[in-house]
Amino acid sequence: QAYAATTWGQGLETVLAALGQWYATGPAPDT
C-alpha cells in the first residue's frame, strides 16, 4: 500500500512553485 496525490492534489505543484518564487523575492532568499 502507498499514497499518491489525486489529480486535484497534483494541482498544488503550481502553489509550491509560486510559494518558492515569492520566497525568493524576500530579504533573505538563501536557504
PDB file of all heavy atoms in Angstrom:
ATOM      1  N   GLN A   1       0.837  -1.197   0.000  1.00  0.00           N
ATOM      2  CA  GLN A   1       0.000   0.000   0.000  1.00  0.00           C
ATOM      3  C   GLN A   1       0.878   1.255   0.000  1.00  0.00           C
ATOM      4  O   GLN A   1       1.941   1.278   0.598  1.00  0.00           O
ATOM      5  CB  GLN A   1      -0.916   0.014   1.224  1.00  0.00           C
ATOM      6  CG  GLN A   1      -1.934  -1.115   1.255  1.00  0.00           C
ATOM      7  CD  GLN A   1      -2.926  -1.024   0.107  1.00  0.00           C
ATOM      8  OE1 GLN A   1      -3.528   0.025  -0.115  1.00  0.00           O
ATOM      9  NE2 GLN A   1      -3.081  -2.110  -0.625  1.00  0.00           N
ATOM     10  N   ALA A   2       0.411   2.260  -0.687  1.00  0.00           N
ATOM     11  CA  ALA A   2       1.142   3.528  -0.756  1.00  0.00           C
ATOM     12  C   ALA A   2       0.133   4.661  -0.855  1.00  0.00           C
ATOM     13  O   ALA A   2      -1.086   4.446  -0.861  1.00  0.00           O
ATOM     14  CB  ALA A   2       2.090   3.534  -1.954  1.00  0.00           C
ATOM     15  N   TYR A   3       0.662   5.879  -0.945  1.00  0.00           N
ATOM     16  CA  TYR A   3      -0.175   7.068  -1.046  1.00  0.00           C
ATOM     17  C   TYR A   3       0.230   7.846  -2.296  1.00  0.00           C
ATOM     18  O   TYR A   3       1.404   7.876  -2.671  1.00  0.00           O
ATOM     19  CB  TYR A   3      -0.017   7.947   0.190  1.00  0.00           C
ATOM     20  CG  TYR A   3      -0.448   7.265   1.463  1.00  0.00           C
ATOM     21  CD1 TYR A   3       0.447   6.499   2.209  1.00  0.00           C
ATOM     22  CD2 TYR A   3      -1.765   7.369   1.921  1.00  0.00           C
ATOM     23  CE1 TYR A   3       0.050   5.860   3.378  1.00  0.00           C
ATOM     24  CE2 TYR A   3      -2.169   6.737   3.085  1.00  0.00           C
ATOM     25  CZ  TYR A   3      -1.257   5.981   3.805  1.00  0.00           C
ATOM     26  OH  TYR A   3      -1.661   5.349   4.948  1.00  0.00           O
ATOM     27  N   ALA A   4      -0.750   8.475  -2.926  1.00  0.00           N
ATOM     28  CA  ALA A   4      -0.479   9.263  -4.125  1.00  0.00           C
ATOM     29  C   ALA A   4      -1.373  10.496  -4.126  1.00  0.00           C
ATOM     30  O   ALA A   4      -2.468  10.486  -3.554  1.00  0.00           O
ATOM     31  CB  ALA A   4      -0.726   8.430  -5.384  1.00  0.00           C
ATOM     32  N   ALA A   5      -0.900  11.542  -4.774  1.00  0.00           N
ATOM     33  CA  ALA A   5      -1.728  12.736  -4.931  1.00  0.00           C
ATOM     34  C   ALA A   5      -2.802  12.464  -5.978  1.00  0.00           C
ATOM     35  O   ALA A   5      -2.545  11.833  -7.000  1.00  0.00           O
ATOM     36  CB  ALA A   5      -0.868  13.923  -5.354  1.00  0.00           C
ATOM     37  N   THR A   6      -4.012  12.913  -5.705  1.00  0.00           N
ATOM     38  CA  THR A   6      -5.070  12.839  -6.699  1.00  0.00           C
ATOM     39  C   THR A   6      -4.795  13.871  -7.796  1.00  0.00           C
ATOM     40  O   THR A   6      -3.876  14.690  -7.681  1.00  0.00           O
ATOM     41  CB  THR A   6      -6.436  13.127  -6.063  1.00  0.00           C
ATOM     42  OG1 THR A   6      -6.430  14.467  -5.536  1.00  0.00           O
ATOM     43  CG2 THR A   6      -6.724  12.141  -4.926  1.00  0.00           C
ATOM     44  N   THR A   7      -5.597  13.819  -8.849  1.00  0.00           N
ATOM     45  CA  THR A   7      -5.438  14.825  -9.904  1.00  0.00           C
ATOM     46  C   THR A   7      -5.575  16.231  -9.338  1.00  0.00           C
ATOM     47  O   THR A   7      -4.816  17.144  -9.685  1.00  0.00           O
ATOM     48  CB  THR A   7      -6.475  14.595 -11.018  1.00  0.00           C
ATOM     49  OG1 THR A   7      -6.291  13.277 -11.558  1.00  0.00           O
ATOM     50  CG2 THR A   7      -6.314  15.620 -12.131  1.00  0.00           C
ATOM     51  N   TRP A   8      -6.539  16.404  -8.455  1.00  0.00           N
ATOM     52  CA  TRP A   8      -6.719  17.705  -7.810  1.00  0.00           C
ATOM     53  C   TRP A   8      -5.516  18.045  -6.938  1.00  0.00           C
ATOM     54  O   TRP A   8      -5.021  19.176  -6.938  1.00  0.00           O
ATOM     55  CB  TRP A   8      -7.999  17.695  -6.965  1.00  0.00           C
ATOM     56  CG  TRP A   8      -8.388  19.033  -6.419  1.00  0.00           C
ATOM     57  CD1 TRP A   8      -8.388  20.226  -7.073  1.00  0.00           C
ATOM     58  CD2 TRP A   8      -8.841  19.309  -5.089  1.00  0.00           C
ATOM     59  NE1 TRP A   8      -8.816  21.237  -6.230  1.00  0.00           N
ATOM     60  CE2 TRP A   8      -9.104  20.700  -5.012  1.00  0.00           C
ATOM     61  CE3 TRP A   8      -9.067  18.514  -3.963  1.00  0.00           C
ATOM     62  CZ2 TRP A   8      -9.565  21.313  -3.853  1.00  0.00           C
ATOM     63  CZ3 TRP A   8      -9.535  19.123  -2.805  1.00  0.00           C
ATOM     64  CH2 TRP A   8      -9.784  20.503  -2.758  1.00  0.00           C
ATOM     65  N   GLY A   9      -5.004  17.062  -6.217  1.00  0.00           N
ATOM     66  CA  GLY A   9      -3.839  17.292  -5.364  1.00  0.00           C
ATOM     67  C   GLY A   9      -2.597  17.664  -6.155  1.00  0.00           C
ATOM     68  O   GLY A   9      -1.784  18.482  -5.710  1.00  0.00           O
ATOM     69  N   GLN A  10      -2.462  17.100  -7.364  1.00  0.00           N
ATOM     70  CA  GLN A  10      -1.305  17.422  -8.185  1.00  0.00           C
ATOM     71  C   GLN A  10      -1.297  18.887  -8.598  1.00  0.00           C
ATOM     72  O   GLN A  10      -0.250  19.454  -8.899  1.00  0.00           O
ATOM     73  CB  GLN A  10      -1.292  16.532  -9.429  1.00  0.00           C
ATOM     74  CG  GLN A  10      -0.969  15.083  -9.124  1.00  0.00           C
ATOM     75  CD  GLN A  10      -1.170  14.177 -10.317  1.00  0.00           C
ATOM     76  OE1 GLN A  10      -1.712  14.588 -11.351  1.00  0.00           O
ATOM     77  NE2 GLN A  10      -0.748  12.930 -10.191  1.00  0.00           N
ATOM     78  N   GLY A  11      -2.473  19.511  -8.567  1.00  0.00           N
ATOM     79  CA  GLY A  11      -2.545  20.933  -8.887  1.00  0.00           C
ATOM     80  C   GLY A  11      -1.813  21.813  -7.892  1.00  0.00           C
ATOM     81  O   GLY A  11      -1.541  22.979  -8.173  1.00  0.00           O
ATOM     82  N   LEU A  12      -1.475  21.254  -6.743  1.00  0.00           N
ATOM     83  CA  LEU A  12      -0.732  22.031  -5.745  1.00  0.00           C
ATOM     84  C   LEU A  12       0.730  22.248  -6.156  1.00  0.00           C
ATOM     85  O   LEU A  12       1.443  23.011  -5.508  1.00  0.00           O
ATOM     86  CB  LEU A  12      -0.786  21.342  -4.386  1.00  0.00           C
ATOM     87  CG  LEU A  12      -2.140  21.455  -3.668  1.00  0.00           C
ATOM     88  CD1 LEU A  12      -2.212  20.491  -2.497  1.00  0.00           C
ATOM     89  CD2 LEU A  12      -2.371  22.890  -3.196  1.00  0.00           C
ATOM     90  N   GLU A  13       1.173  21.614  -7.238  1.00  0.00           N
ATOM     91  CA  GLU A  13       2.532  21.882  -7.724  1.00  0.00           C
ATOM     92  C   GLU A  13       2.702  23.357  -8.056  1.00  0.00           C
ATOM     93  O   GLU A  13       3.737  23.964  -7.750  1.00  0.00           O
ATOM     94  CB  GLU A  13       2.849  21.024  -8.951  1.00  0.00           C
ATOM     95  CG  GLU A  13       4.240  21.294  -9.510  1.00  0.00           C
ATOM     96  CD  GLU A  13       4.609  20.399 -10.680  1.00  0.00           C
ATOM     97  OE1 GLU A  13       3.858  19.459 -10.998  1.00  0.00           O
ATOM     98  OE2 GLU A  13       5.673  20.655 -11.289  1.00  0.00           O
ATOM     99  N   THR A  14       1.701  23.959  -8.669  1.00  0.00           N
ATOM    100  CA  THR A  14       1.810  25.375  -9.013  1.00  0.00           C
ATOM    101  C   THR A  14       1.806  26.249  -7.764  1.00  0.00           C
ATOM    102  O   THR A  14       2.406  27.326  -7.751  1.00  0.00           O
ATOM    103  CB  THR A  14       0.659  25.799  -9.940  1.00  0.00           C
ATOM    104  OG1 THR A  14      -0.596  25.518  -9.295  1.00  0.00           O
ATOM    105  CG2 THR A  14       0.717  25.048 -11.255  1.00  0.00           C
ATOM    106  N   VAL A  15       1.133  25.786  -6.718  1.00  0.00           N
ATOM    107  CA  VAL A  15       1.131  26.524  -5.452  1.00  0.00           C
ATOM    108  C   VAL A  15       2.522  26.501  -4.834  1.00  0.00           C
ATOM    109  O   VAL A  15       3.042  27.528  -4.374  1.00  0.00           O
ATOM    110  CB  VAL A  15       0.099  25.927  -4.481  1.00  0.00           C
ATOM    111  CG1 VAL A  15       0.174  26.616  -3.121  1.00  0.00           C
ATOM    112  CG2 VAL A  15      -1.306  26.044  -5.069  1.00  0.00           C
ATOM    113  N   LEU A  16       3.154  25.328  -4.820  1.00  0.00           N
ATOM    114  CA  LEU A  16       4.509  25.215  -4.285  1.00  0.00           C
ATOM    115  C   LEU A  16       5.484  26.059  -5.093  1.00  0.00           C
ATOM    116  O   LEU A  16       6.362  26.727  -4.532  1.00  0.00           O
ATOM    117  CB  LEU A  16       4.951  23.751  -4.296  1.00  0.00           C
ATOM    118  CG  LEU A  16       4.282  22.842  -3.264  1.00  0.00           C
ATOM    119  CD1 LEU A  16       4.539  21.382  -3.594  1.00  0.00           C
ATOM    120  CD2 LEU A  16       4.785  23.165  -1.860  1.00  0.00           C
ATOM    121  N   ALA A  17       5.321  26.045  -6.407  1.00  0.00           N
ATOM    122  CA  ALA A  17       6.195  26.851  -7.263  1.00  0.00           C
ATOM    123  C   ALA A  17       6.029  28.334  -6.949  1.00  0.00           C
ATOM    124  O   ALA A  17       7.018  29.073  -6.828  1.00  0.00           O
ATOM    125  CB  ALA A  17       5.886  26.575  -8.733  1.00  0.00           C
ATOM    126  N   ALA A  18       4.786  28.775  -6.805  1.00  0.00           N
ATOM    127  CA  ALA A  18       4.538  30.191  -6.518  1.00  0.00           C
ATOM    128  C   ALA A  18       5.085  30.579  -5.149  1.00  0.00           C
ATOM    129  O   ALA A  18       5.636  31.674  -4.978  1.00  0.00           O
ATOM    130  CB  ALA A  18       3.039  30.481  -6.591  1.00  0.00           C
ATOM    131  N   LEU A  19       4.951  29.700  -4.162  1.00  0.00           N
ATOM    132  CA  LEU A  19       5.488  29.983  -2.832  1.00  0.00           C
ATOM    133  C   LEU A  19       7.006  30.150  -2.881  1.00  0.00           C
ATOM    134  O   LEU A  19       7.565  31.061  -2.271  1.00  0.00           O
ATOM    135  CB  LEU A  19       5.117  28.866  -1.860  1.00  0.00           C
ATOM    136  CG  LEU A  19       3.713  28.897  -1.271  1.00  0.00           C
ATOM    137  CD1 LEU A  19       3.451  27.606  -0.492  1.00  0.00           C
ATOM    138  CD2 LEU A  19       3.524  30.116  -0.376  1.00  0.00           C
ATOM    139  N   GLY A  20       7.655  29.257  -3.611  1.00  0.00           N
ATOM    140  CA  GLY A  20       9.110  29.346  -3.710  1.00  0.00           C
ATOM    141  C   GLY A  20       9.561  30.600  -4.416  1.00  0.00           C
ATOM    142  O   GLY A  20      10.518  31.267  -4.002  1.00  0.00           O
ATOM    143  N   GLN A  21       8.878  30.953  -5.502  1.00  0.00           N
ATOM    144  CA  GLN A  21       9.246  32.168  -6.239  1.00  0.00           C
ATOM    145  C   GLN A  21       8.975  33.415  -5.401  1.00  0.00           C
ATOM    146  O   GLN A  21       9.734  34.387  -5.467  1.00  0.00           O
ATOM    147  CB  GLN A  21       8.477  32.198  -7.561  1.00  0.00           C
ATOM    148  CG  GLN A  21       8.964  31.123  -8.519  1.00  0.00           C
ATOM    149  CD  GLN A  21       8.076  30.988  -9.744  1.00  0.00           C
ATOM    150  OE1 GLN A  21       6.866  31.213  -9.675  1.00  0.00           O
ATOM    151  NE2 GLN A  21       8.664  30.613 -10.862  1.00  0.00           N
ATOM    152  N   TRP A  22       7.906  33.381  -4.621  1.00  0.00           N
ATOM    153  CA  TRP A  22       7.628  34.504  -3.717  1.00  0.00           C
ATOM    154  C   TRP A  22       8.720  34.619  -2.662  1.00  0.00           C
ATOM    155  O   TRP A  22       9.216  35.712  -2.369  1.00  0.00           O
ATOM    156  CB  TRP A  22       6.265  34.296  -3.045  1.00  0.00           C
ATOM    157  CG  TRP A  22       6.011  35.243  -1.914  1.00  0.00           C
ATOM    158  CD1 TRP A  22       5.638  36.549  -1.987  1.00  0.00           C
ATOM    159  CD2 TRP A  22       6.132  34.948  -0.511  1.00  0.00           C
ATOM    160  NE1 TRP A  22       5.521  37.102  -0.725  1.00  0.00           N
ATOM    161  CE2 TRP A  22       5.820  36.135   0.200  1.00  0.00           C
ATOM    162  CE3 TRP A  22       6.459  33.802   0.208  1.00  0.00           C
ATOM    163  CZ2 TRP A  22       5.839  36.193   1.599  1.00  0.00           C
ATOM    164  CZ3 TRP A  22       6.476  33.856   1.596  1.00  0.00           C
ATOM    165  CH2 TRP A  22       6.169  35.052   2.275  1.00  0.00           C
ATOM    166  N   TYR A  23       9.130  33.479  -2.087  1.00  0.00           N
ATOM    167  CA  TYR A  23      10.160  33.500  -1.052  1.00  0.00           C
ATOM    168  C   TYR A  23      11.470  34.066  -1.601  1.00  0.00           C
ATOM    169  O   TYR A  23      12.207  34.756  -0.897  1.00  0.00           O
ATOM    170  CB  TYR A  23      10.383  32.082  -0.519  1.00  0.00           C
ATOM    171  CG  TYR A  23      11.359  31.992   0.631  1.00  0.00           C
ATOM    172  CD1 TYR A  23      10.945  32.219   1.933  1.00  0.00           C
ATOM    173  CD2 TYR A  23      12.702  31.680   0.415  1.00  0.00           C
ATOM    174  CE1 TYR A  23      11.833  32.134   2.998  1.00  0.00           C
ATOM    175  CE2 TYR A  23      13.593  31.602   1.461  1.00  0.00           C
ATOM    176  CZ  TYR A  23      13.155  31.824   2.748  1.00  0.00           C
ATOM    177  OH  TYR A  23      14.035  31.746   3.791  1.00  0.00           O
ATOM    178  N   ALA A  24      11.732  33.798  -2.879  1.00  0.00           N
ATOM    179  CA  ALA A  24      12.984  34.254  -3.490  1.00  0.00           C
ATOM    180  C   ALA A  24      13.075  35.768  -3.585  1.00  0.00           C
ATOM    181  O   ALA A  24      14.167  36.317  -3.721  1.00  0.00           O
ATOM    182  CB  ALA A  24      13.140  33.636  -4.881  1.00  0.00           C
ATOM    183  N   THR A  25      11.942  36.446  -3.521  1.00  0.00           N
ATOM    184  CA  THR A  25      11.960  37.906  -3.615  1.00  0.00           C
ATOM    185  C   THR A  25      12.119  38.565  -2.247  1.00  0.00           C
ATOM    186  O   THR A  25      12.163  39.786  -2.158  1.00  0.00           O
ATOM    187  CB  THR A  25      10.652  38.421  -4.255  1.00  0.00           C
ATOM    188  OG1 THR A  25       9.541  38.120  -3.390  1.00  0.00           O
ATOM    189  CG2 THR A  25      10.419  37.773  -5.613  1.00  0.00           C
ATOM    190  N   GLY A  26      12.198  37.750  -1.192  1.00  0.00           N
ATOM    191  CA  GLY A  26      12.282  38.295   0.155  1.00  0.00           C
ATOM    192  C   GLY A  26      13.673  38.770   0.516  1.00  0.00           C
ATOM    193  O   GLY A  26      14.621  38.679  -0.280  1.00  0.00           O
ATOM    194  N   PRO A  27      13.837  39.245   1.735  1.00  0.00           N
ATOM    195  CA  PRO A  27      15.112  39.822   2.152  1.00  0.00           C
ATOM    196  C   PRO A  27      16.227  38.804   2.349  1.00  0.00           C
ATOM    197  O   PRO A  27      17.395  39.173   2.321  1.00  0.00           O
ATOM    198  CB  PRO A  27      14.764  40.514   3.481  1.00  0.00           C
ATOM    199  CG  PRO A  27      13.574  39.765   3.991  1.00  0.00           C
ATOM    200  CD  PRO A  27      12.791  39.379   2.780  1.00  0.00           C
ATOM    201  N   ALA A  28      15.890  37.533   2.568  1.00  0.00           N
ATOM    202  CA  ALA A  28      16.916  36.507   2.790  1.00  0.00           C
ATOM    203  C   ALA A  28      16.525  35.233   2.059  1.00  0.00           C
ATOM    204  O   ALA A  28      16.070  34.262   2.659  1.00  0.00           O
ATOM    205  CB  ALA A  28      17.083  36.239   4.290  1.00  0.00           C
ATOM    206  N   PRO A  29      16.681  35.208   0.729  1.00  0.00           N
ATOM    207  CA  PRO A  29      16.194  34.071  -0.060  1.00  0.00           C
ATOM    208  C   PRO A  29      17.031  32.812   0.051  1.00  0.00           C
ATOM    209  O   PRO A  29      16.578  31.740  -0.312  1.00  0.00           O
ATOM    210  CB  PRO A  29      16.215  34.612  -1.492  1.00  0.00           C
ATOM    211  CG  PRO A  29      17.301  35.636  -1.479  1.00  0.00           C
ATOM    212  CD  PRO A  29      17.235  36.273  -0.116  1.00  0.00           C
ATOM    213  N   ASP A  30      18.281  32.935   0.522  1.00  0.00           N
ATOM    214  CA  ASP A  30      19.135  31.747   0.611  1.00  0.00           C
ATOM    215  C   ASP A  30      18.638  30.810   1.701  1.00  0.00           C
ATOM    216  O   ASP A  30      18.090  31.229   2.718  1.00  0.00           O
ATOM    217  CB  ASP A  30      20.581  32.141   0.890  1.00  0.00           C
ATOM    218  CG  ASP A  30      21.210  32.864  -0.286  1.00  0.00           C
ATOM    219  OD1 ASP A  30      20.747  32.639  -1.418  1.00  0.00           O
ATOM    220  OD2 ASP A  30      22.143  33.645  -0.061  1.00  0.00           O
ATOM    221  N   THR A  31      18.816  29.521   1.482  1.00  0.00           N
ATOM    222  CA  THR A  31      18.379  28.522   2.440  1.00  0.00           C
ATOM    223  C   THR A  31      19.501  27.528   2.677  1.00  0.00           C
ATOM    224  O   THR A  31      20.510  27.512   1.980  1.00  0.00           O
ATOM    225  CB  THR A  31      17.137  27.762   1.931  1.00  0.00           C
ATOM    226  OG1 THR A  31      17.500  27.037   0.757  1.00  0.00           O
ATOM    227  CG2 THR A  31      16.000  28.710   1.609  1.00  0.00           C
TER     228      THR A  31
END
